[in-house]
Amino acid sequence: MKKENIAKSLILLSLCAILLYYVYTLFRIGALISYLLRLIFPLLIALFFHFLIDPIIDYFTNDRLSRKIVVTHLYLSFSLLFILSCYFLIPYLLDQCLLFYHRICDSQIMVNPIFSTFIHFLEDYQIINYFIDIFNGWTQAVIYWAGNILIALGISFYLSYDNLHLIEKTIIYLPFEKQGICMQTLKKLKLTTYQFMKSMILDFIFFFIMCLIPFFFINQNYAIWIALFLALTNLIPYVGPYIGGIPVIIYEFFIDQHLGYASFVVVMVLQYLESSYLQPYLFSRGIQIHPIYLIIALTFFGDLFGIVGMIFSPLLLSYVIFLVELLKNLHIREDIQRIMHHENE
């Protein structure tokens, strides 16, 4: 009897899978799902911002300062910081990029003879154009993320100002005996998010300063750009130091062999100091995940969300782990088996 029920269930699941495949293909549900995800994507980012900023708002809120005043001042500070960054930092970085581009086009940068043949090879086979297309794709991704983040900031301001906790209000509709477990998991998610973001921002600031000081003496013209590039790529777990360090070393070797050796030594020393002292100190209370799982998450979320997904892959993986533990504690699998067994009887 049990074998017959298992066989019927397998046949039913196979038929449902085939039907879903044809419906998905014929009615182009994939394009519809992609369109709906693009629509709600700013809302998801807004929930993440609200999730992140809420502990800061609660910390400053007291009898003298109401929540609305704290939220207003906090978002005004974020807006002012964004405007100042756009006014001072972004034009400087653009000038540096344009200066580097014009110097290459006008042959003002003296390339080491060892690499001149290699550069001509890349130009002949249009490999440089391929890298330029990749860079254009990254630029479009940055513009897409920037637009979504601006919309998300407005939505998160509304959620924080009116103290709308959508996740908590959703949990209220669950059965009473399961609300406590969900609230505990939500607190763990908030604490993990806050600790991860705080550690990541501090790691970025300290590593940026550590990179800026030596590269100011190695290459004064592009010191800020190189330090910013190294600090950003260093946020990517495991592969980030190689993504950032190798291009910088190769670039310095293109210009001068001695600068290349100096950059190699500086990058190695900085990565040793950051991985041995700075990162363990900042992330000691953060996320503890096995490296194999983290590499899988790095590949999956990187393919799904690009470089942003690679940077936040430890946090996103911790969300998945917490949700899996929540499903185990809620005994959803046992409830489904109980319902199926009751129907079979």
C-alpha atoms as a PDB file:
ATOM      1  CA  MET A   1       0.000   0.000   0.000  1.00  0.00           C
ATOM      2  CA  LYS A   2       2.794   2.405   0.864  1.00  0.00           C
ATOM      3  CA  LYS A   3       4.638   1.597  -2.389  1.00  0.00           C
ATOM      4  CA  GLU A   4       1.479   2.324  -4.391  1.00  0.00           C
ATOM      5  CA  ASN A   5       1.054   5.678  -2.625  1.00  0.00           C
ATOM      6  CA  ILE A   6       4.709   6.569  -3.289  1.00  0.00           C
ATOM      7  CA  ALA A   7       4.313   5.610  -6.964  1.00  0.00           C
ATOM      8  CA  LYS A   8       1.138   7.696  -7.287  1.00  0.00           C
ATOM      9  CA  SER A   9       2.838  10.657  -5.630  1.00  0.00           C
ATOM     10  CA  LEU A  10       5.833  10.401  -7.984  1.00  0.00           C
ATOM     11  CA  ILE A  11       3.607  10.205 -11.051  1.00  0.00           C
ATOM     12  CA  LEU A  12       1.563  13.168  -9.840  1.00  0.00           C
ATOM     13  CA  LEU A  13       4.692  15.222  -9.157  1.00  0.00           C
ATOM     14  CA  SER A  14       6.112  14.351 -12.593  1.00  0.00           C
ATOM     15  CA  LEU A  15       2.903  15.386 -14.331  1.00  0.00           C
ATOM     16  CA  CYS A  16       2.824  18.639 -12.354  1.00  0.00           C
ATOM     17  CA  ALA A  17       6.460  19.343 -13.257  1.00  0.00           C
ATOM     18  CA  ILE A  18       5.784  18.729 -16.978  1.00  0.00           C
ATOM     19  CA  LEU A  19       2.679  20.931 -16.847  1.00  0.00           C
ATOM     20  CA  LEU A  20       4.561  23.733 -15.099  1.00  0.00           C
ATOM     21  CA  TYR A  21       7.353  23.515 -17.667  1.00  0.00           C
ATOM     22  CA  TYR A  22       4.946  23.895 -20.610  1.00  0.00           C
ATOM     23  CA  VAL A  23       3.051  26.712 -18.894  1.00  0.00           C
ATOM     24  CA  TYR A  24       6.368  28.419 -18.088  1.00  0.00           C
ATOM     25  CA  THR A  25       7.523  28.068 -21.718  1.00  0.00           C
ATOM     26  CA  LEU A  26       4.312  28.858 -23.599  1.00  0.00           C
ATOM     27  CA  PHE A  27       3.153  31.822 -21.545  1.00  0.00           C
ATOM     28  CA  ARG A  28       6.682  33.262 -21.018  1.00  0.00           C
ATOM     29  CA  ILE A  29       6.269  33.301 -17.261  1.00  0.00           C
ATOM     30  CA  GLY A  30      10.026  33.732 -16.891  1.00  0.00           C
ATOM     31  CA  ALA A  31       9.863  37.195 -18.453  1.00  0.00           C
ATOM     32  CA  LEU A  32       6.885  38.046 -16.247  1.00  0.00           C
ATOM     33  CA  ILE A  33       8.683  36.906 -13.091  1.00  0.00           C
ATOM     34  CA  SER A  34      11.784  38.883 -14.091  1.00  0.00           C
ATOM     35  CA  TYR A  35       9.639  41.984 -14.647  1.00  0.00           C
ATOM     36  CA  LEU A  36       7.899  41.575 -11.275  1.00  0.00           C
ATOM     37  CA  LEU A  37      11.246  41.104  -9.525  1.00  0.00           C
ATOM     38  CA  ARG A  38      12.541  44.326 -11.081  1.00  0.00           C
ATOM     39  CA  LEU A  39       9.431  46.091  -9.809  1.00  0.00           C
ATOM     40  CA  ILE A  40       9.722  44.889  -6.220  1.00  0.00           C
ATOM     41  CA  PHE A  41      13.540  45.000  -6.110  1.00  0.00           C
ATOM     42  CA  PRO A  42      13.643  48.582  -4.682  1.00  0.00           C
ATOM     43  CA  LEU A  43      11.165  47.470  -2.010  1.00  0.00           C
ATOM     44  CA  LEU A  44      13.449  44.572  -1.028  1.00  0.00           C
ATOM     45  CA  ILE A  45      16.432  46.943  -0.790  1.00  0.00           C
ATOM     46  CA  ALA A  46      14.275  49.357   1.260  1.00  0.00           C
ATOM     47  CA  LEU A  47      13.388  46.557   3.676  1.00  0.00           C
ATOM     48  CA  PHE A  48      17.101  45.767   3.994  1.00  0.00           C
ATOM     49  CA  PHE A  49      17.908  49.434   4.734  1.00  0.00           C
ATOM     50  CA  HIS A  50      15.063  49.611   7.244  1.00  0.00           C
ATOM     51  CA  PHE A  51      16.307  46.371   8.745  1.00  0.00           C
ATOM     52  CA  LEU A  52      19.808  47.835   9.058  1.00  0.00           C
ATOM     53  CA  ILE A  53      19.016  51.369  10.243  1.00  0.00           C
ATOM     54  CA  ASP A  54      16.316  50.421  12.749  1.00  0.00           C
ATOM     55  CA  PRO A  55      18.792  49.481  15.565  1.00  0.00           C
ATOM     56  CA  ILE A  56      20.552  52.849  15.103  1.00  0.00           C
ATOM     57  CA  ILE A  57      17.211  54.679  15.340  1.00  0.00           C
ATOM     58  CA  ASP A  58      16.249  52.761  18.478  1.00  0.00           C
ATOM     59  CA  TYR A  59      19.643  53.575  20.028  1.00  0.00           C
ATOM     60  CA  PHE A  60      19.192  57.357  19.674  1.00  0.00           C
ATOM     61  CA  THR A  61      15.469  57.450  20.448  1.00  0.00           C
ATOM     62  CA  ASN A  62      14.672  58.468  24.034  1.00  0.00           C
ATOM     63  CA  ASP A  63      12.310  60.677  26.026  1.00  0.00           C
ATOM     64  CA  ARG A  64      13.842  63.887  24.664  1.00  0.00           C
ATOM     65  CA  LEU A  65      14.244  62.784  21.058  1.00  0.00           C
ATOM     66  CA  SER A  66      11.236  61.250  19.367  1.00  0.00           C
ATOM     67  CA  ARG A  67      11.622  58.593  16.690  1.00  0.00           C
ATOM     68  CA  LYS A  68      10.505  60.917  13.884  1.00  0.00           C
ATOM     69  CA  ILE A  69      13.140  63.528  14.774  1.00  0.00           C
ATOM     70  CA  VAL A  70      15.881  60.881  14.871  1.00  0.00           C
ATOM     71  CA  VAL A  71      14.760  59.440  11.525  1.00  0.00           C
ATOM     72  CA  THR A  72      14.652  62.890   9.913  1.00  0.00           C
ATOM     73  CA  HIS A  73      18.111  63.857  11.143  1.00  0.00           C
ATOM     74  CA  LEU A  74      19.573  60.475  10.210  1.00  0.00           C
ATOM     75  CA  TYR A  75      18.267  60.505   6.640  1.00  0.00           C
ATOM     76  CA  LEU A  76      19.235  64.159   6.205  1.00  0.00           C
ATOM     77  CA  SER A  77      22.772  63.201   7.263  1.00  0.00           C
ATOM     78  CA  PHE A  78      22.793  60.343   4.739  1.00  0.00           C
ATOM     79  CA  SER A  79      21.532  62.687   2.015  1.00  0.00           C
ATOM     80  CA  LEU A  80      24.158  65.299   2.868  1.00  0.00           C
ATOM     81  CA  LEU A  81      26.893  62.663   2.820  1.00  0.00           C
ATOM     82  CA  PHE A  82      25.671  61.410  -0.565  1.00  0.00           C
ATOM     83  CA  ILE A  83      25.603  64.960  -2.006  1.00  0.00           C
ATOM     84  CA  LEU A  84      29.095  65.738  -0.694  1.00  0.00           C
ATOM     85  CA  SER A  85      30.396  62.472  -2.138  1.00  0.00           C
ATOM     86  CA  CYS A  86      28.863  63.276  -5.518  1.00  0.00           C
ATOM     87  CA  TYR A  87      30.254  66.832  -5.401  1.00  0.00           C
ATOM     88  CA  PHE A  88      33.816  66.082  -4.330  1.00  0.00           C
ATOM     89  CA  LEU A  89      34.732  62.404  -4.668  1.00  0.00           C
ATOM     90  CA  ILE A  90      32.999  61.313  -7.882  1.00  0.00           C
ATOM     91  CA  PRO A  91      34.308  64.215 -10.060  1.00  0.00           C
ATOM     92  CA  TYR A  92      37.829  63.509  -8.799  1.00  0.00           C
ATOM     93  CA  LEU A  93      37.560  59.822  -9.682  1.00  0.00           C
ATOM     94  CA  LEU A  94      36.125  60.652 -13.113  1.00  0.00           C
ATOM     95  CA  ASP A  95      38.977  63.099 -13.756  1.00  0.00           C
ATOM     96  CA  GLN A  96      41.462  60.387 -12.800  1.00  0.00           C
ATOM     97  CA  CYS A  97      39.827  57.894 -15.180  1.00  0.00           C
ATOM     98  CA  LEU A  98      39.720  60.407 -18.060  1.00  0.00           C
ATOM     99  CA  LEU A  99      43.335  61.417 -17.395  1.00  0.00           C
ATOM    100  CA  PHE A 100      44.431  57.791 -17.488  1.00  0.00           C
ATOM    101  CA  TYR A 101      42.424  57.187 -20.687  1.00  0.00           C
ATOM    102  CA  HIS A 102      43.892  60.235 -22.500  1.00  0.00           C
ATOM    103  CA  ARG A 103      47.402  59.344 -21.427  1.00  0.00           C
ATOM    104  CA  ILE A 104      47.032  55.878 -22.923  1.00  0.00           C
ATOM    105  CA  CYS A 105      45.522  57.258 -26.128  1.00  0.00           C
ATOM    106  CA  ASP A 106      48.279  59.893 -26.473  1.00  0.00           C
ATOM    107  CA  SER A 107      50.993  57.357 -25.537  1.00  0.00           C
ATOM    108  CA  GLN A 108      52.083  59.482 -22.585  1.00  0.00           C
ATOM    109  CA  ILE A 109      52.355  56.478 -20.279  1.00  0.00           C
ATOM    110  CA  MET A 110      55.676  54.755 -20.854  1.00  0.00           C
ATOM    111  CA  VAL A 111      55.039  51.033 -20.829  1.00  0.00           C
ATOM    112  CA  ASN A 112      57.771  48.640 -19.779  1.00  0.00           C
ATOM    113  CA  PRO A 113      59.290  47.049 -22.931  1.00  0.00           C
ATOM    114  CA  ILE A 114      58.681  43.605 -21.476  1.00  0.00           C
ATOM    115  CA  PHE A 115      54.912  44.130 -21.732  1.00  0.00           C
ATOM    116  CA  SER A 116      54.753  46.135 -24.987  1.00  0.00           C
ATOM    117  CA  THR A 117      54.539  42.969 -27.107  1.00  0.00           C
ATOM    118  CA  PHE A 118      51.810  41.630 -24.853  1.00  0.00           C
ATOM    119  CA  ILE A 119      49.786  44.865 -25.213  1.00  0.00           C
ATOM    120  CA  HIS A 120      50.130  44.760 -29.017  1.00  0.00           C
ATOM    121  CA  PHE A 121      48.910  41.165 -28.939  1.00  0.00           C
ATOM    122  CA  LEU A 122      45.823  42.202 -26.958  1.00  0.00           C
ATOM    123  CA  GLU A 123      45.143  45.053 -29.387  1.00  0.00           C
ATOM    124  CA  ASP A 124      45.548  42.862 -32.500  1.00  0.00           C
ATOM    125  CA  TYR A 125      43.096  40.243 -31.270  1.00  0.00           C
ATOM    126  CA  GLN A 126      40.656  42.871 -29.890  1.00  0.00           C
ATOM    127  CA  ILE A 127      40.903  41.479 -26.375  1.00  0.00           C
ATOM    128  CA  ILE A 128      41.138  45.007 -24.984  1.00  0.00           C
ATOM    129  CA  ASN A 129      37.777  45.795 -26.601  1.00  0.00           C
ATOM    130  CA  TYR A 130      36.348  42.781 -24.806  1.00  0.00           C
ATOM    131  CA  PHE A 131      37.584  44.151 -21.479  1.00  0.00           C
ATOM    132  CA  ILE A 132      36.079  47.541 -22.342  1.00  0.00           C
ATOM    133  CA  ASP A 133      32.701  45.859 -22.968  1.00  0.00           C
ATOM    134  CA  ILE A 134      32.945  44.188 -19.569  1.00  0.00           C
ATOM    135  CA  PHE A 135      33.715  47.545 -17.991  1.00  0.00           C
ATOM    136  CA  ASN A 136      30.687  49.069 -19.749  1.00  0.00           C
ATOM    137  CA  GLY A 137      28.534  46.273 -18.347  1.00  0.00           C
ATOM    138  CA  TRP A 138      29.828  47.034 -14.857  1.00  0.00           C
ATOM    139  CA  THR A 139      29.057  50.720 -15.401  1.00  0.00           C
ATOM    140  CA  GLN A 140      25.480  49.936 -16.407  1.00  0.00           C
ATOM    141  CA  ALA A 141      25.127  47.680 -13.366  1.00  0.00           C
ATOM    142  CA  VAL A 142      26.361  50.504 -11.099  1.00  0.00           C
ATOM    143  CA  ILE A 143      23.820  52.913 -12.625  1.00  0.00           C
ATOM    144  CA  TYR A 144      21.057  50.320 -12.190  1.00  0.00           C
ATOM    145  CA  TRP A 145      21.975  49.735  -8.549  1.00  0.00           C
ATOM    146  CA  ALA A 146      22.302  53.471  -7.865  1.00  0.00           C
ATOM    147  CA  GLY A 147      18.800  54.134  -9.201  1.00  0.00           C
ATOM    148  CA  ASN A 148      17.297  51.305  -7.158  1.00  0.00           C
ATOM    149  CA  ILE A 149      19.146  52.455  -4.034  1.00  0.00           C
ATOM    150  CA  LEU A 150      17.822  56.009  -4.393  1.00  0.00           C
ATOM    151  CA  ILE A 151      14.253  54.720  -4.699  1.00  0.00           C
ATOM    152  CA  ALA A 152      14.839  52.331  -1.801  1.00  0.00           C
ATOM    153  CA  LEU A 153      16.090  55.146   0.434  1.00  0.00           C
ATOM    154  CA  GLY A 154      12.836  57.013  -0.093  1.00  0.00           C
ATOM    155  CA  ILE A 155      10.778  53.911   0.713  1.00  0.00           C
ATOM    156  CA  SER A 156      12.877  53.072   3.770  1.00  0.00           C
ATOM    157  CA  PHE A 157      12.532  56.659   5.040  1.00  0.00           C
ATOM    158  CA  TYR A 158       8.741  56.280   4.895  1.00  0.00           C
ATOM    159  CA  LEU A 159       8.908  52.910   6.677  1.00  0.00           C
ATOM    160  CA  SER A 160      11.215  54.275   9.405  1.00  0.00           C
ATOM    161  CA  TYR A 161       9.343  57.563   9.829  1.00  0.00           C
ATOM    162  CA  ASP A 162       5.974  55.870  10.326  1.00  0.00           C
ATOM    163  CA  ASN A 163       7.578  53.006  12.281  1.00  0.00           C
ATOM    164  CA  LEU A 164       6.143  50.406   9.924  1.00  0.00           C
ATOM    165  CA  HIS A 165       7.594  46.977  10.694  1.00  0.00           C
ATOM    166  CA  LEU A 166       6.186  44.924   7.827  1.00  0.00           C
ATOM    167  CA  ILE A 167       7.879  41.670   8.827  1.00  0.00           C
ATOM    168  CA  GLU A 168       6.671  41.905  12.436  1.00  0.00           C
ATOM    169  CA  LYS A 169       3.127  42.633  11.269  1.00  0.00           C
ATOM    170  CA  THR A 170       3.277  39.620   8.955  1.00  0.00           C
ATOM    171  CA  ILE A 171       4.396  37.358  11.820  1.00  0.00           C
ATOM    172  CA  ILE A 172       1.320  38.362  13.833  1.00  0.00           C
ATOM    173  CA  TYR A 173      -0.901  36.479  11.348  1.00  0.00           C
ATOM    174  CA  LEU A 174       0.910  33.201  12.064  1.00  0.00           C
ATOM    175  CA  PRO A 175      -0.384  30.754  14.697  1.00  0.00           C
ATOM    176  CA  PHE A 176       0.364  31.953  18.223  1.00  0.00           C
ATOM    177  CA  GLU A 177       2.676  29.053  19.124  1.00  0.00           C
ATOM    178  CA  LYS A 178       4.934  29.848  16.126  1.00  0.00           C
ATOM    179  CA  GLN A 179       5.181  33.619  16.592  1.00  0.00           C
ATOM    180  CA  GLY A 180       7.827  33.408  19.339  1.00  0.00           C
ATOM    181  CA  ILE A 181      10.237  31.338  17.224  1.00  0.00           C
ATOM    182  CA  CYS A 182       9.799  33.701  14.263  1.00  0.00           C
ATOM    183  CA  MET A 183      10.438  36.773  16.440  1.00  0.00           C
ATOM    184  CA  GLN A 184      13.610  35.207  17.876  1.00  0.00           C
ATOM    185  CA  THR A 185      14.867  34.433  14.365  1.00  0.00           C
ATOM    186  CA  LEU A 186      14.075  37.986  13.290  1.00  0.00           C
ATOM    187  CA  LYS A 187      16.133  39.369  16.206  1.00  0.00           C
ATOM    188  CA  LYS A 188      19.042  37.122  15.203  1.00  0.00           C
ATOM    189  CA  LEU A 189      18.801  38.398  11.627  1.00  0.00           C
ATOM    190  CA  LYS A 190      18.818  42.024  12.780  1.00  0.00           C
ATOM    191  CA  LEU A 191      21.783  41.493  15.086  1.00  0.00           C
ATOM    192  CA  THR A 192      23.752  39.610  12.427  1.00  0.00           C
ATOM    193  CA  THR A 193      22.998  42.276   9.810  1.00  0.00           C
ATOM    194  CA  TYR A 194      24.054  45.117  12.096  1.00  0.00           C
ATOM    195  CA  GLN A 195      27.300  43.412  13.147  1.00  0.00           C
ATOM    196  CA  PHE A 196      28.186  42.463   9.567  1.00  0.00           C
ATOM    197  CA  MET A 197      27.566  45.950   8.150  1.00  0.00           C
ATOM    198  CA  LYS A 198      29.446  47.655  10.980  1.00  0.00           C
ATOM    199  CA  SER A 199      32.444  45.337  10.576  1.00  0.00           C
ATOM    200  CA  MET A 200      32.412  45.668   6.788  1.00  0.00           C
ATOM    201  CA  ILE A 201      32.321  49.506   6.842  1.00  0.00           C
ATOM    202  CA  LEU A 202      35.121  49.705   9.423  1.00  0.00           C
ATOM    203  CA  ASP A 203      37.187  47.178   7.467  1.00  0.00           C
ATOM    204  CA  PHE A 204      36.721  49.225   4.279  1.00  0.00           C
ATOM    205  CA  ILE A 205      37.728  52.518   5.958  1.00  0.00           C
ATOM    206  CA  PHE A 206      40.800  51.140   7.736  1.00  0.00           C
ATOM    207  CA  PHE A 207      42.020  49.167   4.726  1.00  0.00           C
ATOM    208  CA  PHE A 208      41.504  52.197   2.453  1.00  0.00           C
ATOM    209  CA  ILE A 209      43.744  54.284   4.733  1.00  0.00           C
ATOM    210  CA  MET A 210      46.308  51.457   4.930  1.00  0.00           C
ATOM    211  CA  CYS A 211      46.453  51.293   1.118  1.00  0.00           C
ATOM    212  CA  LEU A 212      46.475  55.055   0.594  1.00  0.00           C
ATOM    213  CA  ILE A 213      49.614  55.732   2.653  1.00  0.00           C
ATOM    214  CA  PRO A 214      52.129  53.469   0.795  1.00  0.00           C
ATOM    215  CA  PHE A 215      50.657  54.002  -2.686  1.00  0.00           C
ATOM    216  CA  PHE A 216      50.880  57.761  -2.206  1.00  0.00           C
ATOM    217  CA  PHE A 217      54.662  57.305  -2.411  1.00  0.00           C
ATOM    218  CA  ILE A 218      54.539  54.660  -5.179  1.00  0.00           C
ATOM    219  CA  ASN A 219      52.086  56.355  -7.558  1.00  0.00           C
ATOM    220  CA  GLN A 220      50.941  59.744  -6.321  1.00  0.00           C
ATOM    221  CA  ASN A 221      48.727  60.480  -9.337  1.00  0.00           C
ATOM    222  CA  TYR A 222      46.462  57.457  -8.842  1.00  0.00           C
ATOM    223  CA  ALA A 223      46.934  56.746  -5.127  1.00  0.00           C
ATOM    224  CA  ILE A 224      43.308  57.435  -4.126  1.00  0.00           C
ATOM    225  CA  TRP A 225      41.954  55.467  -7.083  1.00  0.00           C
ATOM    226  CA  ILE A 226      44.194  52.450  -6.361  1.00  0.00           C
ATOM    227  CA  ALA A 227      43.396  52.527  -2.628  1.00  0.00           C
ATOM    228  CA  LEU A 228      39.661  52.732  -3.338  1.00  0.00           C
ATOM    229  CA  PHE A 229      39.869  49.850  -5.813  1.00  0.00           C
ATOM    230  CA  LEU A 230      41.806  47.661  -3.379  1.00  0.00           C
ATOM    231  CA  ALA A 231      39.474  48.485  -0.475  1.00  0.00           C
ATOM    232  CA  LEU A 232      36.331  47.714  -2.501  1.00  0.00           C
ATOM    233  CA  THR A 233      37.565  44.427  -3.950  1.00  0.00           C
ATOM    234  CA  ASN A 234      38.895  43.402  -0.536  1.00  0.00           C
ATOM    235  CA  LEU A 235      35.277  43.234   0.679  1.00  0.00           C
ATOM    236  CA  ILE A 236      34.749  40.166  -1.539  1.00  0.00           C
ATOM    237  CA  PRO A 237      35.574  37.036   0.501  1.00  0.00           C
ATOM    238  CA  TYR A 238      38.588  34.914  -0.531  1.00  0.00           C
ATOM    239  CA  VAL A 239      38.912  36.036  -4.178  1.00  0.00           C
ATOM    240  CA  GLY A 240      38.664  39.790  -3.518  1.00  0.00           C
ATOM    241  CA  PRO A 241      42.347  40.356  -2.672  1.00  0.00           C
ATOM    242  CA  TYR A 242      43.371  38.650  -5.927  1.00  0.00           C
ATOM    243  CA  ILE A 243      40.802  40.568  -8.005  1.00  0.00           C
ATOM    244  CA  GLY A 244      42.129  43.841  -6.608  1.00  0.00           C
ATOM    245  CA  GLY A 245      45.820  43.135  -6.079  1.00  0.00           C
ATOM    246  CA  ILE A 246      46.797  41.434  -9.348  1.00  0.00           C
ATOM    247  CA  PRO A 247      45.601  44.239 -11.708  1.00  0.00           C
ATOM    248  CA  VAL A 248      47.324  46.888  -9.564  1.00  0.00           C
ATOM    249  CA  ILE A 249      50.628  44.990  -9.591  1.00  0.00           C
ATOM    250  CA  ILE A 250      50.430  44.371 -13.347  1.00  0.00           C
ATOM    251  CA  TYR A 251      49.628  48.046 -13.974  1.00  0.00           C
ATOM    252  CA  GLU A 252      52.642  49.177 -11.955  1.00  0.00           C
ATOM    253  CA  PHE A 253      54.832  46.640 -13.801  1.00  0.00           C
ATOM    254  CA  PHE A 254      53.611  48.145 -17.083  1.00  0.00           C
ATOM    255  CA  ILE A 255      54.950  51.535 -16.013  1.00  0.00           C
ATOM    256  CA  ASP A 256      58.148  50.567 -14.236  1.00  0.00           C
ATOM    257  CA  GLN A 257      59.621  47.300 -13.067  1.00  0.00           C
ATOM    258  CA  HIS A 258      60.738  48.722  -9.718  1.00  0.00           C
ATOM    259  CA  LEU A 259      57.249  50.115  -9.051  1.00  0.00           C
ATOM    260  CA  GLY A 260      55.844  46.677  -9.838  1.00  0.00           C
ATOM    261  CA  TYR A 261      58.075  44.987  -7.269  1.00  0.00           C
ATOM    262  CA  ALA A 262      57.245  47.680  -4.711  1.00  0.00           C
ATOM    263  CA  SER A 263      53.496  47.247  -5.351  1.00  0.00           C
ATOM    264  CA  PHE A 264      53.822  43.483  -5.011  1.00  0.00           C
ATOM    265  CA  VAL A 265      55.514  43.802  -1.608  1.00  0.00           C
ATOM    266  CA  VAL A 266      53.031  46.437  -0.411  1.00  0.00           C
ATOM    267  CA  VAL A 267      49.972  44.407  -1.478  1.00  0.00           C
ATOM    268  CA  MET A 268      51.310  41.250   0.162  1.00  0.00           C
ATOM    269  CA  VAL A 269      52.084  43.048   3.437  1.00  0.00           C
ATOM    270  CA  LEU A 270      48.710  44.830   3.472  1.00  0.00           C
ATOM    271  CA  GLN A 271      46.801  41.605   2.826  1.00  0.00           C
ATOM    272  CA  TYR A 272      48.747  39.843   5.579  1.00  0.00           C
ATOM    273  CA  LEU A 273      47.995  42.615   8.095  1.00  0.00           C
ATOM    274  CA  GLU A 274      44.329  42.784   7.083  1.00  0.00           C
ATOM    275  CA  SER A 275      43.703  39.025   7.120  1.00  0.00           C
ATOM    276  CA  SER A 276      45.749  38.313  10.252  1.00  0.00           C
ATOM    277  CA  TYR A 277      44.863  41.240  12.519  1.00  0.00           C
ATOM    278  CA  LEU A 278      42.209  43.626  11.189  1.00  0.00           C
ATOM    279  CA  GLN A 279      39.645  41.166   9.868  1.00  0.00           C
ATOM    280  CA  PRO A 280      39.711  38.739  12.853  1.00  0.00           C
ATOM    281  CA  TYR A 281      39.302  41.676  15.240  1.00  0.00           C
ATOM    282  CA  LEU A 282      36.376  43.241  13.357  1.00  0.00           C
ATOM    283  CA  PHE A 283      34.561  40.026  12.393  1.00  0.00           C
ATOM    284  CA  SER A 284      35.222  38.055  15.596  1.00  0.00           C
ATOM    285  CA  ARG A 285      31.584  38.410  16.666  1.00  0.00           C
ATOM    286  CA  GLY A 286      30.221  38.216  13.159  1.00  0.00           C
ATOM    287  CA  ILE A 287      29.301  35.395  10.823  1.00  0.00           C
ATOM    288  CA  GLN A 288      31.070  32.056  11.274  1.00  0.00           C
ATOM    289  CA  ILE A 289      30.541  29.942   8.128  1.00  0.00           C
ATOM    290  CA  HIS A 290      32.521  27.041   6.705  1.00  0.00           C
ATOM    291  CA  PRO A 291      34.718  28.154   3.742  1.00  0.00           C
ATOM    292  CA  ILE A 292      33.211  25.558   1.368  1.00  0.00           C
ATOM    293  CA  TYR A 293      29.681  26.861   1.939  1.00  0.00           C
ATOM    294  CA  LEU A 294      30.935  30.416   1.588  1.00  0.00           C
ATOM    295  CA  ILE A 295      32.612  29.705  -1.764  1.00  0.00           C
ATOM    296  CA  ILE A 296      29.394  28.123  -3.060  1.00  0.00           C
ATOM    297  CA  ALA A 297      27.418  31.149  -1.851  1.00  0.00           C
ATOM    298  CA  LEU A 298      29.996  33.457  -3.428  1.00  0.00           C
ATOM    299  CA  THR A 299      29.460  31.799  -6.803  1.00  0.00           C
ATOM    300  CA  PHE A 300      25.670  31.615  -6.532  1.00  0.00           C
ATOM    301  CA  PHE A 301      24.947  35.128  -5.269  1.00  0.00           C
ATOM    302  CA  GLY A 302      27.674  36.583  -7.500  1.00  0.00           C
ATOM    303  CA  ASP A 303      25.960  35.091 -10.534  1.00  0.00           C
ATOM    304  CA  LEU A 304      22.591  36.314  -9.264  1.00  0.00           C
ATOM    305  CA  PHE A 305      23.435  39.872  -8.128  1.00  0.00           C
ATOM    306  CA  GLY A 306      26.884  40.553  -9.595  1.00  0.00           C
ATOM    307  CA  ILE A 307      29.674  42.088  -7.532  1.00  0.00           C
ATOM    308  CA  VAL A 308      27.158  43.293  -4.904  1.00  0.00           C
ATOM    309  CA  GLY A 309      26.048  39.698  -4.387  1.00  0.00           C
ATOM    310  CA  MET A 310      29.682  38.629  -3.989  1.00  0.00           C
ATOM    311  CA  ILE A 311      30.310  41.266  -1.308  1.00  0.00           C
ATOM    312  CA  PHE A 312      27.156  40.400   0.658  1.00  0.00           C
ATOM    313  CA  SER A 313      27.351  36.625   0.085  1.00  0.00           C
ATOM    314  CA  PRO A 314      28.263  35.845   3.755  1.00  0.00           C
ATOM    315  CA  LEU A 315      25.278  37.832   4.997  1.00  0.00           C
ATOM    316  CA  LEU A 316      22.882  36.333   2.432  1.00  0.00           C
ATOM    317  CA  LEU A 317      24.121  32.826   3.262  1.00  0.00           C
ATOM    318  CA  SER A 318      23.530  33.484   6.967  1.00  0.00           C
ATOM    319  CA  TYR A 319      19.951  34.510   6.087  1.00  0.00           C
ATOM    320  CA  VAL A 320      19.474  31.182   4.303  1.00  0.00           C
ATOM    321  CA  ILE A 321      20.885  29.257   7.279  1.00  0.00           C
ATOM    322  CA  PHE A 322      18.612  31.094   9.730  1.00  0.00           C
ATOM    323  CA  LEU A 323      15.568  30.463   7.533  1.00  0.00           C
ATOM    324  CA  VAL A 324      16.387  26.750   7.223  1.00  0.00           C
ATOM    325  CA  GLU A 325      16.729  26.509  11.018  1.00  0.00           C
ATOM    326  CA  LEU A 326      13.422  28.357  11.369  1.00  0.00           C
ATOM    327  CA  LEU A 327      11.664  25.883   9.081  1.00  0.00           C
ATOM    328  CA  LYS A 328      13.076  23.009  11.143  1.00  0.00           C
ATOM    329  CA  ASN A 329      11.899  24.577  14.401  1.00  0.00           C
ATOM    330  CA  LEU A 330       8.442  25.243  12.999  1.00  0.00           C
ATOM    331  CA  HIS A 331       8.083  21.520  12.133  1.00  0.00           C
ATOM    332  CA  ILE A 332       6.573  22.346   8.747  1.00  0.00           C
ATOM    333  CA  ARG A 333       7.798  19.080   7.253  1.00  0.00           C
ATOM    334  CA  GLU A 334       6.035  17.061   9.955  1.00  0.00           C
ATOM    335  CA  ASP A 335       2.824  19.033   9.408  1.00  0.00           C
ATOM    336  CA  ILE A 336       2.913  18.307   5.664  1.00  0.00           C
ATOM    337  CA  GLN A 337       3.557  14.606   6.254  1.00  0.00           C
ATOM    338  CA  ARG A 338       0.710  14.493   8.775  1.00  0.00           C
ATOM    339  CA  ILE A 339      -1.682  16.100   6.265  1.00  0.00           C
ATOM    340  CA  MET A 340      -0.608  13.721   3.456  1.00  0.00           C
ATOM    341  CA  HIS A 341      -0.961  10.708   5.740  1.00  0.00           C
ATOM    342  CA  HIS A 342      -4.421  11.866   6.792  1.00  0.00           C
ATOM    343  CA  GLU A 343      -5.496  12.247   3.149  1.00  0.00           C
ATOM    344  CA  ASN A 344      -4.167   8.795   2.229  1.00  0.00           C
ATOM    345  CA  GLU A 345      -6.234   7.273   4.992  1.00  0.00           C
END
